[in-house]
Each structure stands twice: as structure tokens, then as C-alpha cells.
């Protein structure tokens, strides 16, 4: 399969495009629609249908969602409506589209893309991708293989999920300076490093567009690199996963 449609469901927006499988490049514009509120399975599925129609795509669709996903069933819902929990996401979205789909955790999708097309390519040691956005997403790779659904943004720190104080949204919500925010991020990274001892940490998410303001301030044992695919990583990874399943 030379090209594949990928859709990335986020807490604030749903994005999709057709992806060139050899390079990970988007071969259409990136179509984006605000995530409906409430973001129920049916309302999100309807938006995905709109995005697929905008791309004029006819075929299987790869989807990524900010949730733990096992065998197509959504198990958690941190930044989408809790009605998703226990829902067969593949069935709901696939029935709405009239096409088969694949469904996976959004950070795992971003990780797949970075490991194939981005800065993680060729790395076979322990690699951890962390996305800083509405929450903190994580994707862990050992020997090039994905350990799915790690959800390290929900590690308990400061009396709550770590992402409540160390996500990009927390920085904006609390009007923190870059330096103030990075103090929290470094504390979070120390905890994660003590648990998994990664050799490489890839940082991504929308905030990676401003990498010069915060990445040089990070203090880690592991090498740190900035994700190359940025906001397109989830789309490309979802497409990559779908192409692998339906090839």
C-alpha cells in the first residue's frame, strides 16, 4: 500500500490526511476540525467521517485516540468524553465510515512514526517518546518494538497525575515562564528515567515548535532529541499501523 489515510483524535482538534507510506509525508493538506463537545463516540465518529470525505479517501482508515486501546476497545478517556470507556471504538467508527479501521493510542502512533520516519529511525535501544500537549503522552520502544499503552503522563506526582502540572496545557493555564515549567518537567523526567532508564528520549507535541525555549533546559541522563514530525506524527503513525494491518 503506497498511501494510507490517518486520523489523529485530540482533546481540542481532530486532524487527518493521506500519508505517503515510503516517507511519512502528507500528500494532502492536513484537514482539521475542532473536537466536538461533548466528545462522545458518535460525535467524534461523525467528525472523522467528515475529515475522510474532505480527503476524498475510500478505503481502510488508521485512527489514533488519547486513550488506552486493547483489541479495538477504548479503556480510558483522559481528554475525551468518558462515554468512550468500554466502547468498541473500531466498531463505532468503522460502522460510521462504512470502512474497516484500526485504532491505537495517539502517543503510540506518534512513536511509530518517529521510529520509522523521524529521529528514532535506526535506534534499537530503549527509546521513550513523550508528547507535551493537553496532557503528556508516552510511547516506549525496546529493541525497536512498541510496548503499547504506557500512559506515563498519568504517573502519580504532586498528589495527582503528572500531566496536571507538567503538560504544556498546565504551563499555559498557570501562566508559567519556560524556566518555571521546565523545573516541573525535569522532576517528571527524573522519575521516568529512574523507572525505565531510556537511552534516548524524544520530546514532541505541539510545544516542540518552540523547542529552543525549553529543550536546552532539560536535565537528563539520556540523550534528548526533538521529534521531527511534530503535529503530523499521530496522523502518520495511525496510517502506518493501518497499512501494516491491511497490507
C-alpha atoms as a PDB file:
ATOM      1  CA  UNK A   1       0.000   0.000   0.000  1.00  0.00           C
ATOM      2  CA  UNK A   2       1.690   3.210  -1.200  1.00  0.00           C
ATOM      3  CA  UNK A   3      -0.648   5.654   0.532  1.00  0.00           C
ATOM      4  CA  UNK A   4      -2.877   5.447   3.579  1.00  0.00           C
ATOM      5  CA  UNK A   5      -5.340   7.694   5.405  1.00  0.00           C
ATOM      6  CA  UNK A   6      -4.531   8.580   9.010  1.00  0.00           C
ATOM      7  CA  UNK A   7      -6.669  10.440  11.562  1.00  0.00           C
ATOM      8  CA  UNK A   8      -5.468  11.753  14.938  1.00  0.00           C
ATOM      9  CA  UNK A   9      -8.143  12.499  17.556  1.00  0.00           C
ATOM     10  CA  UNK A  10      -7.045  15.055  20.138  1.00  0.00           C
ATOM     11  CA  UNK A  11      -8.665  16.785  23.059  1.00  0.00           C
ATOM     12  CA  UNK A  12      -9.053  20.051  21.114  1.00  0.00           C
ATOM     13  CA  UNK A  13      -8.897  19.032  17.450  1.00  0.00           C
ATOM     14  CA  UNK A  14      -9.272  16.080  15.094  1.00  0.00           C
ATOM     15  CA  UNK A  15      -6.773  16.038  12.234  1.00  0.00           C
ATOM     16  CA  UNK A  16      -6.354  13.807   9.219  1.00  0.00           C
ATOM     17  CA  UNK A  17      -4.539  13.449   5.919  1.00  0.00           C
ATOM     18  CA  UNK A  18      -3.418  10.922   3.341  1.00  0.00           C
ATOM     19  CA  UNK A  19       0.153   9.785   4.026  1.00  0.00           C
ATOM     20  CA  UNK A  20       2.878   8.552   1.680  1.00  0.00           C
ATOM     21  CA  UNK A  21       3.969   5.285   3.260  1.00  0.00           C
ATOM     22  CA  UNK A  22       7.535   5.366   1.951  1.00  0.00           C
ATOM     23  CA  UNK A  23       8.365   8.701   3.588  1.00  0.00           C
ATOM     24  CA  UNK A  24       5.677   9.582   6.127  1.00  0.00           C
ATOM     25  CA  UNK A  25       4.953  12.808   4.245  1.00  0.00           C
ATOM     26  CA  UNK A  26       1.407  14.117   3.991  1.00  0.00           C
ATOM     27  CA  UNK A  27       0.271  14.084   0.361  1.00  0.00           C
ATOM     28  CA  UNK A  28      -2.851  16.153   1.042  1.00  0.00           C
ATOM     29  CA  UNK A  29      -3.378  19.155   3.253  1.00  0.00           C
ATOM     30  CA  UNK A  30      -3.894  18.374   6.927  1.00  0.00           C
ATOM     31  CA  UNK A  31      -7.629  18.648   7.466  1.00  0.00           C
ATOM     32  CA  UNK A  32      -8.636  19.757  10.962  1.00  0.00           C
ATOM     33  CA  UNK A  33     -11.974  20.116  12.730  1.00  0.00           C
ATOM     34  CA  UNK A  34     -12.422  21.114  16.377  1.00  0.00           C
ATOM     35  CA  UNK A  35     -13.149  18.168  18.636  1.00  0.00           C
ATOM     36  CA  UNK A  36     -16.902  18.228  19.316  1.00  0.00           C
ATOM     37  CA  UNK A  37     -18.128  18.906  22.837  1.00  0.00           C
ATOM     38  CA  UNK A  38     -19.125  16.589  24.304  1.00  0.00           C
ATOM     39  CA  UNK A  39     -16.646  14.334  22.515  1.00  0.00           C
ATOM     40  CA  UNK A  40     -18.817  11.208  22.587  1.00  0.00           C
ATOM     41  CA  UNK A  41     -18.017   8.214  20.378  1.00  0.00           C
ATOM     42  CA  UNK A  42     -20.824   9.064  17.960  1.00  0.00           C
ATOM     43  CA  UNK A  43     -19.912  12.759  17.639  1.00  0.00           C
ATOM     44  CA  UNK A  44     -16.202  12.010  17.150  1.00  0.00           C
ATOM     45  CA  UNK A  45     -17.013   9.317  14.589  1.00  0.00           C
ATOM     46  CA  UNK A  46     -19.099  11.846  12.653  1.00  0.00           C
ATOM     47  CA  UNK A  47     -16.177  14.288  12.517  1.00  0.00           C
ATOM     48  CA  UNK A  48     -13.824  11.528  11.369  1.00  0.00           C
ATOM     49  CA  UNK A  49     -16.282  10.796   8.548  1.00  0.00           C
ATOM     50  CA  UNK A  50     -16.199  14.484   7.563  1.00  0.00           C
ATOM     51  CA  UNK A  51     -12.392  14.543   7.506  1.00  0.00           C
ATOM     52  CA  UNK A  52     -12.161  11.357   5.444  1.00  0.00           C
ATOM     53  CA  UNK A  53     -14.684  12.829   2.997  1.00  0.00           C
ATOM     54  CA  UNK A  54     -12.657  16.057   2.764  1.00  0.00           C
ATOM     55  CA  UNK A  55      -9.604  13.988   1.848  1.00  0.00           C
ATOM     56  CA  UNK A  56     -11.689  12.063  -0.721  1.00  0.00           C
ATOM     57  CA  UNK A  57     -10.357   8.798   0.667  1.00  0.00           C
ATOM     58  CA  UNK A  58     -12.007   5.453   0.061  1.00  0.00           C
ATOM     59  CA  UNK A  59     -10.516   2.553   1.987  1.00  0.00           C
ATOM     60  CA  UNK A  60      -9.364   1.467   5.452  1.00  0.00           C
ATOM     61  CA  UNK A  61      -8.539   4.291   7.863  1.00  0.00           C
ATOM     62  CA  UNK A  62      -5.964   4.379  10.644  1.00  0.00           C
ATOM     63  CA  UNK A  63      -7.125   6.259  13.746  1.00  0.00           C
ATOM     64  CA  UNK A  64      -5.290   7.380  16.881  1.00  0.00           C
ATOM     65  CA  UNK A  65      -7.034   8.427  20.090  1.00  0.00           C
ATOM     66  CA  UNK A  66      -5.872   9.726  23.517  1.00  0.00           C
ATOM     67  CA  UNK A  67      -6.776   6.509  25.307  1.00  0.00           C
ATOM     68  CA  UNK A  68      -5.569   3.064  26.197  1.00  0.00           C
ATOM     69  CA  UNK A  69      -6.817   0.797  23.392  1.00  0.00           C
ATOM     70  CA  UNK A  70      -6.835  -3.006  23.544  1.00  0.00           C
ATOM     71  CA  UNK A  71      -8.219  -5.065  20.657  1.00  0.00           C
ATOM     72  CA  UNK A  72     -10.094  -2.035  19.367  1.00  0.00           C
ATOM     73  CA  UNK A  73     -11.798  -1.347  22.713  1.00  0.00           C
ATOM     74  CA  UNK A  74     -11.194   2.014  24.418  1.00  0.00           C
ATOM     75  CA  UNK A  75     -10.245   1.535  28.073  1.00  0.00           C
ATOM     76  CA  UNK A  76      -9.541   5.084  29.329  1.00  0.00           C
ATOM     77  CA  UNK A  77     -10.589   8.622  28.446  1.00  0.00           C
ATOM     78  CA  UNK A  78      -8.369  11.317  29.892  1.00  0.00           C
ATOM     79  CA  UNK A  79      -9.087  14.126  27.410  1.00  0.00           C
ATOM     80  CA  UNK A  80     -12.197  12.852  25.630  1.00  0.00           C
ATOM     81  CA  UNK A  81     -15.701  12.048  26.863  1.00  0.00           C
ATOM     82  CA  UNK A  82     -15.899   9.223  29.392  1.00  0.00           C
ATOM     83  CA  UNK A  83     -18.597   7.588  27.276  1.00  0.00           C
ATOM     84  CA  UNK A  84     -15.683   6.131  25.304  1.00  0.00           C
ATOM     85  CA  UNK A  85     -14.661   3.853  28.175  1.00  0.00           C
ATOM     86  CA  UNK A  86     -15.573   0.278  27.313  1.00  0.00           C
ATOM     87  CA  UNK A  87     -16.660   1.232  23.783  1.00  0.00           C
ATOM     88  CA  UNK A  88     -15.598  -0.847  20.793  1.00  0.00           C
ATOM     89  CA  UNK A  89     -14.059   2.123  19.005  1.00  0.00           C
ATOM     90  CA  UNK A  90     -13.270   0.144  15.874  1.00  0.00           C
ATOM     91  CA  UNK A  91     -16.921  -0.869  15.535  1.00  0.00           C
ATOM     92  CA  UNK A  92     -18.356   2.604  16.201  1.00  0.00           C
ATOM     93  CA  UNK A  93     -16.007   4.467  13.846  1.00  0.00           C
ATOM     94  CA  UNK A  94     -15.916   1.693  11.263  1.00  0.00           C
ATOM     95  CA  UNK A  95     -19.721   1.474  11.104  1.00  0.00           C
ATOM     96  CA  UNK A  96     -19.979   5.250  10.675  1.00  0.00           C
ATOM     97  CA  UNK A  97     -17.392   5.234   7.887  1.00  0.00           C
ATOM     98  CA  UNK A  98     -18.527   2.068   6.205  1.00  0.00           C
ATOM     99  CA  UNK A  99     -14.859   1.062   6.078  1.00  0.00           C
ATOM    100  CA  UNK A 100     -12.590  -1.070   8.279  1.00  0.00           C
ATOM    101  CA  UNK A 101     -10.369   0.918  10.635  1.00  0.00           C
ATOM    102  CA  UNK A 102      -7.532   0.435  13.071  1.00  0.00           C
ATOM    103  CA  UNK A 103      -7.445   2.226  16.410  1.00  0.00           C
ATOM    104  CA  UNK A 104      -4.499   2.848  18.720  1.00  0.00           C
ATOM    105  CA  UNK A 105      -3.212   5.167  21.441  1.00  0.00           C
ATOM    106  CA  UNK A 106      -2.231   8.550  19.991  1.00  0.00           C
ATOM    107  CA  UNK A 107       1.230   8.728  21.570  1.00  0.00           C
ATOM    108  CA  UNK A 108       1.949   5.178  20.416  1.00  0.00           C
ATOM    109  CA  UNK A 109       1.023   6.294  16.902  1.00  0.00           C
ATOM    110  CA  UNK A 110       3.353   9.291  17.142  1.00  0.00           C
ATOM    111  CA  UNK A 111       6.098   6.990  18.390  1.00  0.00           C
ATOM    112  CA  UNK A 112       5.665   4.584  15.484  1.00  0.00           C
ATOM    113  CA  UNK A 113       6.062   7.471  13.052  1.00  0.00           C
ATOM    114  CA  UNK A 114       9.154   8.862  14.769  1.00  0.00           C
ATOM    115  CA  UNK A 115      10.766   5.422  14.919  1.00  0.00           C
ATOM    116  CA  UNK A 116      10.129   4.808  11.219  1.00  0.00           C
ATOM    117  CA  UNK A 117      10.439   8.255   9.650  1.00  0.00           C
ATOM    118  CA  UNK A 118      11.925  10.563  12.283  1.00  0.00           C
ATOM    119  CA  UNK A 119      14.754  10.891  14.789  1.00  0.00           C
ATOM    120  CA  UNK A 120      14.148   7.422  16.247  1.00  0.00           C
ATOM    121  CA  UNK A 121      14.898   5.637  12.976  1.00  0.00           C
ATOM    122  CA  UNK A 122      17.701   3.111  13.433  1.00  0.00           C
ATOM    123  CA  UNK A 123      17.625   3.220  17.246  1.00  0.00           C
ATOM    124  CA  UNK A 124      17.264  -0.262  18.734  1.00  0.00           C
ATOM    125  CA  UNK A 125      17.963   0.539  22.389  1.00  0.00           C
ATOM    126  CA  UNK A 126      15.340   1.726  24.916  1.00  0.00           C
ATOM    127  CA  UNK A 127      13.625   4.747  23.382  1.00  0.00           C
ATOM    128  CA  UNK A 128      10.933   6.825  25.085  1.00  0.00           C
ATOM    129  CA  UNK A 129       8.818   9.354  23.229  1.00  0.00           C
ATOM    130  CA  UNK A 130       6.955  11.940  25.336  1.00  0.00           C
ATOM    131  CA  UNK A 131       4.433  14.350  23.852  1.00  0.00           C
ATOM    132  CA  UNK A 132       3.621  17.516  25.780  1.00  0.00           C
ATOM    133  CA  UNK A 133       0.239  18.965  24.908  1.00  0.00           C
ATOM    134  CA  UNK A 134      -3.189  18.860  26.553  1.00  0.00           C
ATOM    135  CA  UNK A 135      -1.707  16.034  28.605  1.00  0.00           C
ATOM    136  CA  UNK A 136       1.534  14.041  28.443  1.00  0.00           C
ATOM    137  CA  UNK A 137       1.553  11.119  26.054  1.00  0.00           C
ATOM    138  CA  UNK A 138       4.174   8.385  26.052  1.00  0.00           C
ATOM    139  CA  UNK A 139       5.424   5.658  23.740  1.00  0.00           C
ATOM    140  CA  UNK A 140       8.074   3.173  24.848  1.00  0.00           C
ATOM    141  CA  UNK A 141      10.190   1.091  22.455  1.00  0.00           C
ATOM    142  CA  UNK A 142      12.545  -1.723  23.367  1.00  0.00           C
ATOM    143  CA  UNK A 143      14.662  -3.187  20.601  1.00  0.00           C
ATOM    144  CA  UNK A 144      12.519  -1.274  18.119  1.00  0.00           C
ATOM    145  CA  UNK A 145       9.310  -2.910  19.367  1.00  0.00           C
ATOM    146  CA  UNK A 146       6.478  -0.872  20.850  1.00  0.00           C
ATOM    147  CA  UNK A 147       5.351  -1.524  24.434  1.00  0.00           C
ATOM    148  CA  UNK A 148       1.770  -0.273  23.957  1.00  0.00           C
ATOM    149  CA  UNK A 149      -0.392   1.895  26.188  1.00  0.00           C
ATOM    150  CA  UNK A 150       2.239   3.014  28.706  1.00  0.00           C
ATOM    151  CA  UNK A 151       0.323   6.214  29.606  1.00  0.00           C
ATOM    152  CA  UNK A 152       3.221   7.653  31.614  1.00  0.00           C
ATOM    153  CA  UNK A 153       1.575  11.055  31.791  1.00  0.00           C
ATOM    154  CA  UNK A 154      -0.660   9.538  34.457  1.00  0.00           C
ATOM    155  CA  UNK A 155       2.140   8.610  36.836  1.00  0.00           C
ATOM    156  CA  UNK A 156       1.253   9.934  40.270  1.00  0.00           C
ATOM    157  CA  UNK A 157       3.268  13.039  41.182  1.00  0.00           C
ATOM    158  CA  UNK A 158       2.468  16.085  43.277  1.00  0.00           C
ATOM    159  CA  UNK A 159      -0.684  14.348  44.515  1.00  0.00           C
ATOM    160  CA  UNK A 160      -2.204  13.897  41.053  1.00  0.00           C
ATOM    161  CA  UNK A 161      -1.430  12.730  37.520  1.00  0.00           C
ATOM    162  CA  UNK A 162       1.905  14.191  36.455  1.00  0.00           C
ATOM    163  CA  UNK A 163       0.337  15.809  33.387  1.00  0.00           C
ATOM    164  CA  UNK A 164      -1.803  18.026  35.610  1.00  0.00           C
ATOM    165  CA  UNK A 165       1.324  20.033  36.466  1.00  0.00           C
ATOM    166  CA  UNK A 166       3.874  19.211  33.761  1.00  0.00           C
ATOM    167  CA  UNK A 167       1.895  19.260  30.495  1.00  0.00           C
ATOM    168  CA  UNK A 168       2.067  22.110  28.005  1.00  0.00           C
ATOM    169  CA  UNK A 169      -1.527  22.928  28.926  1.00  0.00           C
ATOM    170  CA  UNK A 170      -0.507  23.336  32.579  1.00  0.00           C
ATOM    171  CA  UNK A 171       2.193  25.844  31.602  1.00  0.00           C
ATOM    172  CA  UNK A 172      -0.353  27.891  29.683  1.00  0.00           C
ATOM    173  CA  UNK A 173      -3.108  27.520  32.267  1.00  0.00           C
ATOM    174  CA  UNK A 174      -0.890  28.667  35.118  1.00  0.00           C
ATOM    175  CA  UNK A 175       0.928  31.289  33.024  1.00  0.00           C
ATOM    176  CA  UNK A 176       4.328  29.811  33.905  1.00  0.00           C
ATOM    177  CA  UNK A 177       7.582  31.046  32.445  1.00  0.00           C
ATOM    178  CA  UNK A 178       9.551  28.499  30.444  1.00  0.00           C
ATOM    179  CA  UNK A 179      12.030  28.217  33.300  1.00  0.00           C
ATOM    180  CA  UNK A 180       9.288  27.629  35.894  1.00  0.00           C
ATOM    181  CA  UNK A 181       7.654  24.984  33.737  1.00  0.00           C
ATOM    182  CA  UNK A 182      10.902  23.157  32.961  1.00  0.00           C
ATOM    183  CA  UNK A 183      11.587  22.729  36.694  1.00  0.00           C
ATOM    184  CA  UNK A 184       8.478  20.558  36.772  1.00  0.00           C
ATOM    185  CA  UNK A 185       9.335  18.771  33.517  1.00  0.00           C
ATOM    186  CA  UNK A 186      12.818  17.917  34.805  1.00  0.00           C
ATOM    187  CA  UNK A 187      11.370  16.481  38.016  1.00  0.00           C
ATOM    188  CA  UNK A 188       8.978  14.390  35.944  1.00  0.00           C
ATOM    189  CA  UNK A 189      11.777  13.207  33.643  1.00  0.00           C
ATOM    190  CA  UNK A 190      13.923  12.158  36.617  1.00  0.00           C
ATOM    191  CA  UNK A 191      11.071   9.974  37.853  1.00  0.00           C
ATOM    192  CA  UNK A 192      10.520   8.406  34.420  1.00  0.00           C
ATOM    193  CA  UNK A 193      14.248   7.824  33.928  1.00  0.00           C
ATOM    194  CA  UNK A 194      14.523   6.100  37.289  1.00  0.00           C
ATOM    195  CA  UNK A 195      11.734   3.726  36.234  1.00  0.00           C
ATOM    196  CA  UNK A 196      12.800   2.861  32.682  1.00  0.00           C
ATOM    197  CA  UNK A 197      16.394   4.050  32.116  1.00  0.00           C
ATOM    198  CA  UNK A 198      15.869   5.033  28.470  1.00  0.00           C
ATOM    199  CA  UNK A 199      18.888   5.592  26.238  1.00  0.00           C
ATOM    200  CA  UNK A 200      17.034   8.147  24.116  1.00  0.00           C
ATOM    201  CA  UNK A 201      14.139  10.457  24.980  1.00  0.00           C
ATOM    202  CA  UNK A 202      12.252  12.025  22.080  1.00  0.00           C
ATOM    203  CA  UNK A 203      10.137  15.044  23.049  1.00  0.00           C
ATOM    204  CA  UNK A 204       7.233  16.076  20.874  1.00  0.00           C
ATOM    205  CA  UNK A 205       3.763  17.559  20.867  1.00  0.00           C
ATOM    206  CA  UNK A 206       2.697  20.999  19.722  1.00  0.00           C
ATOM    207  CA  UNK A 207       5.093  22.682  22.125  1.00  0.00           C
ATOM    208  CA  UNK A 208       8.066  21.199  20.274  1.00  0.00           C
ATOM    209  CA  UNK A 209       7.621  24.032  17.765  1.00  0.00           C
ATOM    210  CA  UNK A 210       9.188  26.234  20.469  1.00  0.00           C
ATOM    211  CA  UNK A 211      11.954  23.770  21.309  1.00  0.00           C
ATOM    212  CA  UNK A 212      14.612  26.481  21.568  1.00  0.00           C
ATOM    213  CA  UNK A 213      12.848  27.923  24.624  1.00  0.00           C
ATOM    214  CA  UNK A 214      12.810  24.760  26.747  1.00  0.00           C
ATOM    215  CA  UNK A 215      14.616  21.709  25.339  1.00  0.00           C
ATOM    216  CA  UNK A 216      18.098  23.168  26.119  1.00  0.00           C
ATOM    217  CA  UNK A 217      16.967  23.488  29.763  1.00  0.00           C
ATOM    218  CA  UNK A 218      16.214  19.786  30.173  1.00  0.00           C
ATOM    219  CA  UNK A 219      18.425  17.788  32.545  1.00  0.00           C
ATOM    220  CA  UNK A 220      18.505  14.062  31.766  1.00  0.00           C
ATOM    221  CA  UNK A 221      20.896  11.122  31.758  1.00  0.00           C
ATOM    222  CA  UNK A 222      19.529  10.042  28.385  1.00  0.00           C
ATOM    223  CA  UNK A 223      20.161  11.766  25.101  1.00  0.00           C
ATOM    224  CA  UNK A 224      17.255  14.096  24.229  1.00  0.00           C
ATOM    225  CA  UNK A 225      16.088  14.750  20.684  1.00  0.00           C
ATOM    226  CA  UNK A 226      13.137  16.755  19.380  1.00  0.00           C
ATOM    227  CA  UNK A 227      10.535  14.910  17.329  1.00  0.00           C
ATOM    228  CA  UNK A 228      10.777  15.659  13.615  1.00  0.00           C
ATOM    229  CA  UNK A 229       7.191  15.008  12.560  1.00  0.00           C
ATOM    230  CA  UNK A 230       5.674  17.203  15.287  1.00  0.00           C
ATOM    231  CA  UNK A 231       1.899  17.566  14.888  1.00  0.00           C
ATOM    232  CA  UNK A 232       1.849  15.218  11.890  1.00  0.00           C
ATOM    233  CA  UNK A 233       3.290  12.289  13.840  1.00  0.00           C
ATOM    234  CA  UNK A 234      -0.027  10.938  15.101  1.00  0.00           C
ATOM    235  CA  UNK A 235      -1.527  11.021  11.613  1.00  0.00           C
ATOM    236  CA  UNK A 236       1.490   9.318  10.060  1.00  0.00           C
ATOM    237  CA  UNK A 237       1.705   6.684  12.796  1.00  0.00           C
ATOM    238  CA  UNK A 238      -2.003   5.864  12.604  1.00  0.00           C
ATOM    239  CA  UNK A 239      -1.647   5.462   8.847  1.00  0.00           C
ATOM    240  CA  UNK A 240       1.450   3.301   9.293  1.00  0.00           C
ATOM    241  CA  UNK A 241      -0.354   0.997  11.717  1.00  0.00           C
ATOM    242  CA  UNK A 242      -3.350   0.671   9.390  1.00  0.00           C
ATOM    243  CA  UNK A 243      -1.156  -0.086   6.378  1.00  0.00           C
ATOM    244  CA  UNK A 244       0.596  -2.820   8.345  1.00  0.00           C
ATOM    245  CA  UNK A 245      -2.704  -4.423   9.371  1.00  0.00           C
ATOM    246  CA  UNK A 246      -4.369  -4.285   5.956  1.00  0.00           C
ATOM    247  CA  UNK A 247      -1.356  -4.846   3.718  1.00  0.00           C
END
